[in-house]
Amino acid sequence: MAVFGVLAAVLGVVGLVAPDVLLTVMGFEPVPEGGRAAGDHTLVFLTASSMAALNMGVYYVLAALADWKPFFRWTVPFRLLTCAVFTLAVLTGRAPAGFVGVGLWEGLGAVVTGAALRYEKRAGAHG
């Protein structure tokens, strides 16, 4: 949880400070300075998403430091949902192929978190 939190927070900061770098990492082609059409709000949405990622990253780190198991459990279904939505966005042509990595990261994180919670629960029941 802490590793995911730190990565989310770092990517949030990258999106706030260098949005074109984050776009490139996610498989989007950045638009050159001054090349955006009037009404293109890509950077506004990127700023909002990046701020949300920064906040979420801090929440994850704080939850990890507090060993807040209910929070960990809550993240599993929602990260699986995020995986499905992001992967579907790629499959339907709404997002570039490189964006599937974001979905897979969420799915893998959910599976690992769920497995760790199950392992700890079983170990606690037998120990």
N, C-alpha and C. Protein backbone atom coordinates (compact mmCIF):
# COMPACT_ATOMS: atom_id res chain seq x y z
N MET A 1 0.83 -1.18 0.00
CA MET A 1 0.00 0.00 0.00
C MET A 1 0.87 1.25 0.00
N ALA A 2 1.91 1.21 0.80
CA ALA A 2 2.79 2.38 0.87
C ALA A 2 3.49 2.62 -0.46
N VAL A 3 3.93 1.54 -1.12
CA VAL A 3 4.62 1.69 -2.41
C VAL A 3 3.66 2.29 -3.44
N PHE A 4 2.44 1.76 -3.50
CA PHE A 4 1.46 2.32 -4.42
C PHE A 4 1.21 3.79 -4.10
N GLY A 5 1.09 4.10 -2.81
CA GLY A 5 0.84 5.48 -2.41
C GLY A 5 1.94 6.42 -2.84
N VAL A 6 3.17 6.00 -2.63
CA VAL A 6 4.30 6.84 -3.03
C VAL A 6 4.32 7.03 -4.54
N LEU A 7 4.10 5.95 -5.29
CA LEU A 7 4.09 6.05 -6.75
C LEU A 7 2.96 6.97 -7.24
N ALA A 8 1.77 6.83 -6.65
CA ALA A 8 0.65 7.69 -7.04
C ALA A 8 0.96 9.15 -6.75
N ALA A 9 1.52 9.41 -5.57
CA ALA A 9 1.86 10.79 -5.20
C ALA A 9 2.92 11.36 -6.13
N VAL A 10 3.93 10.57 -6.45
CA VAL A 10 5.00 11.04 -7.35
C VAL A 10 4.43 11.33 -8.73
N LEU A 11 3.61 10.44 -9.26
CA LEU A 11 3.01 10.68 -10.58
C LEU A 11 2.07 11.88 -10.54
N GLY A 12 1.40 12.09 -9.43
CA GLY A 12 0.57 13.28 -9.28
C GLY A 12 1.40 14.55 -9.35
N VAL A 13 2.54 14.55 -8.68
CA VAL A 13 3.43 15.72 -8.72
C VAL A 13 3.96 15.92 -10.13
N VAL A 14 4.34 14.82 -10.80
CA VAL A 14 4.83 14.93 -12.18
C VAL A 14 3.75 15.56 -13.06
N GLY A 15 2.52 15.12 -12.91
CA GLY A 15 1.43 15.68 -13.71
C GLY A 15 1.21 17.16 -13.44
N LEU A 16 1.41 17.58 -12.21
CA LEU A 16 1.24 18.99 -11.87
C LEU A 16 2.39 19.85 -12.38
N VAL A 17 3.61 19.30 -12.29
CA VAL A 17 4.81 20.07 -12.65
C VAL A 17 5.16 19.95 -14.13
N ALA A 18 5.01 18.75 -14.70
CA ALA A 18 5.42 18.51 -16.10
C ALA A 18 4.35 17.65 -16.78
N PRO A 19 3.19 18.23 -17.08
CA PRO A 19 2.09 17.44 -17.63
C PRO A 19 2.43 16.68 -18.91
N ASP A 20 3.28 17.23 -19.76
CA ASP A 20 3.63 16.53 -21.00
C ASP A 20 4.39 15.24 -20.72
N VAL A 21 5.18 15.22 -19.66
CA VAL A 21 5.91 14.00 -19.29
C VAL A 21 4.90 12.92 -18.89
N LEU A 22 3.92 13.29 -18.10
CA LEU A 22 2.91 12.32 -17.68
C LEU A 22 2.09 11.83 -18.87
N LEU A 23 1.73 12.72 -19.78
CA LEU A 23 1.01 12.31 -20.98
C LEU A 23 1.81 11.29 -21.77
N THR A 24 3.09 11.53 -21.92
CA THR A 24 3.97 10.62 -22.67
C THR A 24 4.05 9.26 -21.98
N VAL A 25 4.19 9.25 -20.65
CA VAL A 25 4.26 8.00 -19.89
C VAL A 25 2.99 7.18 -20.08
N MET A 26 1.84 7.84 -20.21
CA MET A 26 0.57 7.14 -20.36
C MET A 26 0.26 6.80 -21.82
N GLY A 27 1.15 7.13 -22.73
CA GLY A 27 0.95 6.75 -24.12
C GLY A 27 0.25 7.78 -24.98
N PHE A 28 0.11 9.01 -24.46
CA PHE A 28 -0.51 10.08 -25.22
C PHE A 28 0.57 10.95 -25.84
N GLU A 29 0.29 11.48 -27.00
CA GLU A 29 1.24 12.39 -27.65
C GLU A 29 0.96 13.81 -27.15
N PRO A 30 1.96 14.43 -26.50
CA PRO A 30 1.75 15.80 -26.04
C PRO A 30 1.55 16.76 -27.21
N VAL A 31 0.76 17.79 -26.99
CA VAL A 31 0.53 18.82 -28.00
C VAL A 31 1.55 19.93 -27.76
N PRO A 32 2.25 20.38 -28.81
CA PRO A 32 3.25 21.43 -28.63
C PRO A 32 2.64 22.70 -28.03
N GLU A 33 3.47 23.45 -27.32
CA GLU A 33 3.04 24.71 -26.71
C GLU A 33 2.34 25.58 -27.75
N GLY A 34 1.17 26.07 -27.39
CA GLY A 34 0.42 26.93 -28.29
C GLY A 34 -0.36 26.19 -29.35
N GLY A 35 -0.30 24.86 -29.33
CA GLY A 35 -0.96 24.07 -30.36
C GLY A 35 -2.35 23.58 -29.99
N ARG A 36 -2.81 23.90 -28.83
CA ARG A 36 -4.13 23.45 -28.40
C ARG A 36 -5.22 24.35 -28.97
N ALA A 37 -6.29 23.74 -29.39
CA ALA A 37 -7.43 24.49 -29.93
C ALA A 37 -8.17 25.18 -28.78
N ALA A 38 -8.86 26.24 -29.11
CA ALA A 38 -9.70 26.90 -28.11
C ALA A 38 -10.71 25.88 -27.60
N GLY A 39 -10.91 25.85 -26.31
CA GLY A 39 -11.85 24.90 -25.74
C GLY A 39 -11.25 23.56 -25.40
N ASP A 40 -9.97 23.35 -25.68
CA ASP A 40 -9.30 22.10 -25.32
C ASP A 40 -8.93 22.20 -23.83
N HIS A 41 -9.58 21.39 -23.04
CA HIS A 41 -9.37 21.44 -21.59
C HIS A 41 -8.55 20.27 -21.07
N THR A 42 -7.74 19.69 -21.93
CA THR A 42 -6.92 18.54 -21.55
C THR A 42 -6.09 18.85 -20.31
N LEU A 43 -5.43 20.00 -20.31
CA LEU A 43 -4.55 20.33 -19.18
C LEU A 43 -5.33 20.56 -17.89
N VAL A 44 -6.55 21.05 -18.01
CA VAL A 44 -7.38 21.23 -16.82
C VAL A 44 -7.70 19.87 -16.21
N PHE A 45 -8.11 18.92 -17.06
CA PHE A 45 -8.42 17.59 -16.56
C PHE A 45 -7.17 16.88 -16.05
N LEU A 46 -6.04 17.09 -16.69
CA LEU A 46 -4.79 16.50 -16.24
C LEU A 46 -4.39 17.08 -14.88
N THR A 47 -4.59 18.36 -14.70
CA THR A 47 -4.30 18.99 -13.40
C THR A 47 -5.20 18.41 -12.32
N ALA A 48 -6.48 18.28 -12.60
CA ALA A 48 -7.41 17.71 -11.61
C ALA A 48 -7.05 16.26 -11.29
N SER A 49 -6.75 15.47 -12.31
CA SER A 49 -6.38 14.07 -12.09
C SER A 49 -5.08 13.95 -11.32
N SER A 50 -4.14 14.81 -11.64
CA SER A 50 -2.85 14.77 -10.96
C SER A 50 -3.00 15.15 -9.49
N MET A 51 -3.82 16.14 -9.21
CA MET A 51 -4.05 16.53 -7.82
C MET A 51 -4.74 15.40 -7.07
N ALA A 52 -5.69 14.75 -7.72
CA ALA A 52 -6.36 13.60 -7.10
C ALA A 52 -5.36 12.48 -6.84
N ALA A 53 -4.46 12.22 -7.77
CA ALA A 53 -3.44 11.17 -7.59
C ALA A 53 -2.51 11.51 -6.42
N LEU A 54 -2.13 12.77 -6.32
CA LEU A 54 -1.28 13.19 -5.21
C LEU A 54 -2.00 12.95 -3.88
N ASN A 55 -3.24 13.41 -3.78
CA ASN A 55 -4.01 13.20 -2.55
C ASN A 55 -4.20 11.73 -2.25
N MET A 56 -4.58 10.96 -3.26
CA MET A 56 -4.80 9.54 -3.08
C MET A 56 -3.51 8.85 -2.60
N GLY A 57 -2.40 9.25 -3.19
CA GLY A 57 -1.12 8.67 -2.78
C GLY A 57 -0.84 8.92 -1.30
N VAL A 58 -1.12 10.12 -0.85
CA VAL A 58 -0.92 10.43 0.57
C VAL A 58 -1.87 9.59 1.43
N TYR A 59 -3.13 9.44 0.99
CA TYR A 59 -4.08 8.61 1.75
C TYR A 59 -3.55 7.18 1.88
N TYR A 60 -3.04 6.64 0.80
CA TYR A 60 -2.53 5.27 0.83
C TYR A 60 -1.34 5.15 1.78
N VAL A 61 -0.43 6.10 1.74
CA VAL A 61 0.72 6.06 2.64
C VAL A 61 0.27 6.15 4.09
N LEU A 62 -0.65 7.08 4.38
CA LEU A 62 -1.14 7.21 5.76
C LEU A 62 -1.87 5.95 6.21
N ALA A 63 -2.67 5.36 5.33
CA ALA A 63 -3.37 4.11 5.68
C ALA A 63 -2.36 2.99 5.94
N ALA A 64 -1.29 2.94 5.14
CA ALA A 64 -0.26 1.92 5.35
C ALA A 64 0.44 2.13 6.69
N LEU A 65 0.77 3.37 7.00
CA LEU A 65 1.44 3.65 8.28
C LEU A 65 0.55 3.29 9.47
N ALA A 66 -0.76 3.46 9.31
CA ALA A 66 -1.71 3.13 10.37
C ALA A 66 -2.13 1.66 10.34
N ASP A 67 -1.68 0.92 9.32
CA ASP A 67 -2.07 -0.48 9.10
C ASP A 67 -3.59 -0.62 9.14
N TRP A 68 -4.25 0.25 8.38
CA TRP A 68 -5.72 0.34 8.37
C TRP A 68 -6.30 -0.67 7.39
N LYS A 69 -6.52 -1.88 7.85
CA LYS A 69 -6.98 -2.99 7.00
C LYS A 69 -8.32 -2.72 6.30
N PRO A 70 -9.31 -2.10 6.97
CA PRO A 70 -10.56 -1.85 6.23
C PRO A 70 -10.32 -1.01 4.97
N PHE A 71 -9.45 -0.02 5.04
CA PHE A 71 -9.14 0.79 3.86
C PHE A 71 -8.55 -0.09 2.77
N PHE A 72 -7.63 -0.97 3.14
CA PHE A 72 -7.00 -1.86 2.16
C PHE A 72 -8.07 -2.70 1.46
N ARG A 73 -9.02 -3.25 2.24
CA ARG A 73 -10.09 -4.07 1.66
C ARG A 73 -10.96 -3.26 0.71
N TRP A 74 -11.27 -2.03 1.08
CA TRP A 74 -12.12 -1.18 0.22
C TRP A 74 -11.47 -0.90 -1.12
N THR A 75 -10.14 -0.86 -1.15
CA THR A 75 -9.47 -0.51 -2.41
C THR A 75 -9.56 -1.62 -3.45
N VAL A 76 -9.69 -2.87 -3.01
CA VAL A 76 -9.63 -4.00 -3.95
C VAL A 76 -10.72 -3.93 -5.02
N PRO A 77 -12.01 -3.85 -4.66
CA PRO A 77 -13.01 -3.83 -5.73
C PRO A 77 -12.94 -2.57 -6.58
N PHE A 78 -12.59 -1.45 -5.99
CA PHE A 78 -12.55 -0.22 -6.77
C PHE A 78 -11.35 -0.17 -7.70
N ARG A 79 -10.25 -0.78 -7.31
CA ARG A 79 -9.10 -0.86 -8.22
C ARG A 79 -9.39 -1.84 -9.35
N LEU A 80 -10.13 -2.91 -9.06
CA LEU A 80 -10.54 -3.83 -10.13
C LEU A 80 -11.48 -3.12 -11.11
N LEU A 81 -12.38 -2.31 -10.59
CA LEU A 81 -13.27 -1.53 -11.45
C LEU A 81 -12.46 -0.56 -12.31
N THR A 82 -11.49 0.10 -11.72
CA THR A 82 -10.63 1.01 -12.47
C THR A 82 -9.89 0.27 -13.57
N CYS A 83 -9.39 -0.92 -13.27
CA CYS A 83 -8.73 -1.76 -14.27
C CYS A 83 -9.66 -2.03 -15.44
N ALA A 84 -10.89 -2.42 -15.12
CA ALA A 84 -11.85 -2.74 -16.17
C ALA A 84 -12.18 -1.52 -17.02
N VAL A 85 -12.43 -0.39 -16.39
CA VAL A 85 -12.79 0.83 -17.13
C VAL A 85 -11.63 1.30 -18.01
N PHE A 86 -10.42 1.32 -17.48
CA PHE A 86 -9.27 1.78 -18.26
C PHE A 86 -8.96 0.83 -19.41
N THR A 87 -9.06 -0.48 -19.16
CA THR A 87 -8.81 -1.45 -20.22
C THR A 87 -9.88 -1.33 -21.31
N LEU A 88 -11.12 -1.17 -20.90
CA LEU A 88 -12.21 -0.98 -21.85
C LEU A 88 -12.01 0.29 -22.68
N ALA A 89 -11.48 1.33 -22.06
CA ALA A 89 -11.21 2.57 -22.80
C ALA A 89 -10.22 2.33 -23.93
N VAL A 90 -9.23 1.47 -23.68
CA VAL A 90 -8.25 1.14 -24.73
C VAL A 90 -8.91 0.27 -25.80
N LEU A 91 -9.65 -0.74 -25.36
CA LEU A 91 -10.27 -1.67 -26.31
C LEU A 91 -11.29 -1.00 -27.22
N THR A 92 -11.93 0.06 -26.73
CA THR A 92 -12.94 0.76 -27.53
C THR A 92 -12.36 1.94 -28.30
N GLY A 93 -11.05 2.14 -28.21
CA GLY A 93 -10.41 3.23 -28.95
C GLY A 93 -10.52 4.59 -28.30
N ARG A 94 -11.00 4.63 -27.09
CA ARG A 94 -11.14 5.91 -26.38
C ARG A 94 -9.80 6.39 -25.82
N ALA A 95 -8.87 5.46 -25.64
CA ALA A 95 -7.54 5.78 -25.12
C ALA A 95 -6.50 5.00 -25.93
N PRO A 96 -5.27 5.52 -26.00
CA PRO A 96 -4.22 4.82 -26.76
C PRO A 96 -3.79 3.53 -26.06
N ALA A 97 -3.19 2.63 -26.82
CA ALA A 97 -2.80 1.32 -26.31
C ALA A 97 -1.91 1.41 -25.08
N GLY A 98 -1.04 2.40 -25.02
CA GLY A 98 -0.14 2.54 -23.87
C GLY A 98 -0.87 2.74 -22.56
N PHE A 99 -2.10 3.21 -22.63
CA PHE A 99 -2.89 3.47 -21.43
C PHE A 99 -3.33 2.19 -20.74
N VAL A 100 -3.28 1.07 -21.45
CA VAL A 100 -3.66 -0.21 -20.84
C VAL A 100 -2.74 -0.52 -19.66
N GLY A 101 -1.52 -0.01 -19.69
CA GLY A 101 -0.59 -0.21 -18.57
C GLY A 101 -1.13 0.35 -17.26
N VAL A 102 -1.84 1.46 -17.34
CA VAL A 102 -2.44 2.06 -16.15
C VAL A 102 -3.51 1.12 -15.59
N GLY A 103 -4.32 0.57 -16.48
CA GLY A 103 -5.34 -0.39 -16.05
C GLY A 103 -4.73 -1.64 -15.45
N LEU A 104 -3.70 -2.15 -16.09
CA LEU A 104 -3.05 -3.36 -15.59
C LEU A 104 -2.40 -3.11 -14.23
N TRP A 105 -1.81 -1.93 -14.05
CA TRP A 105 -1.21 -1.56 -12.76
C TRP A 105 -2.27 -1.60 -11.67
N GLU A 106 -3.45 -1.06 -11.96
CA GLU A 106 -4.54 -1.06 -10.99
C GLU A 106 -5.00 -2.49 -10.69
N GLY A 107 -5.17 -3.28 -11.74
CA GLY A 107 -5.61 -4.67 -11.56
C GLY A 107 -4.61 -5.49 -10.77
N LEU A 108 -3.34 -5.37 -11.11
CA LEU A 108 -2.30 -6.09 -10.39
C LEU A 108 -2.26 -5.65 -8.93
N GLY A 109 -2.37 -4.35 -8.70
CA GLY A 109 -2.37 -3.85 -7.33
C GLY A 109 -3.53 -4.41 -6.52
N ALA A 110 -4.70 -4.51 -7.14
CA ALA A 110 -5.88 -5.05 -6.47
C ALA A 110 -5.67 -6.53 -6.12
N VAL A 111 -5.16 -7.29 -7.08
CA VAL A 111 -4.95 -8.72 -6.85
C VAL A 111 -3.91 -8.96 -5.76
N VAL A 112 -2.82 -8.22 -5.79
CA VAL A 112 -1.77 -8.38 -4.78
C VAL A 112 -2.31 -7.97 -3.40
N THR A 113 -3.05 -6.88 -3.35
CA THR A 113 -3.61 -6.43 -2.07
C THR A 113 -4.59 -7.47 -1.53
N GLY A 114 -5.48 -7.95 -2.39
CA GLY A 114 -6.45 -8.97 -1.97
C GLY A 114 -5.76 -10.24 -1.48
N ALA A 115 -4.73 -10.67 -2.20
CA ALA A 115 -3.99 -11.87 -1.81
C ALA A 115 -3.28 -11.67 -0.47
N ALA A 116 -2.68 -10.52 -0.28
CA ALA A 116 -1.99 -10.25 0.98
C ALA A 116 -2.97 -10.22 2.15
N LEU A 117 -4.13 -9.61 1.94
CA LEU A 117 -5.14 -9.59 3.01
C LEU A 117 -5.62 -10.99 3.35
N ARG A 118 -5.85 -11.80 2.32
CA ARG A 118 -6.29 -13.19 2.54
C ARG A 118 -5.22 -13.98 3.29
N TYR A 119 -3.96 -13.81 2.88
CA TYR A 119 -2.84 -14.50 3.53
C TYR A 119 -2.76 -14.12 5.01
N GLU A 120 -2.83 -12.82 5.28
CA GLU A 120 -2.74 -12.37 6.68
C GLU A 120 -3.91 -12.88 7.50
N LYS A 121 -5.10 -12.92 6.92
CA LYS A 121 -6.28 -13.42 7.64
C LYS A 121 -6.11 -14.90 7.98
N ARG A 122 -5.64 -15.69 7.00
CA ARG A 122 -5.44 -17.13 7.23
C ARG A 122 -4.31 -17.36 8.23
N ALA A 123 -3.24 -16.61 8.13
CA ALA A 123 -2.12 -16.77 9.04
C ALA A 123 -2.57 -16.41 10.46
N GLY A 124 -3.41 -15.39 10.60
CA GLY A 124 -3.93 -15.00 11.91
C GLY A 124 -4.85 -16.05 12.50
N ALA A 125 -5.61 -16.73 11.64
CA ALA A 125 -6.55 -17.76 12.11
C ALA A 125 -5.81 -19.01 12.56
N HIS A 126 -4.64 -19.26 11.95
CA HIS A 126 -3.87 -20.47 12.28
C HIS A 126 -2.77 -20.19 13.30
N GLY A 127 -2.54 -18.95 13.59
CA GLY A 127 -1.40 -18.64 14.45
C GLY A 127 -1.82 -18.28 15.78
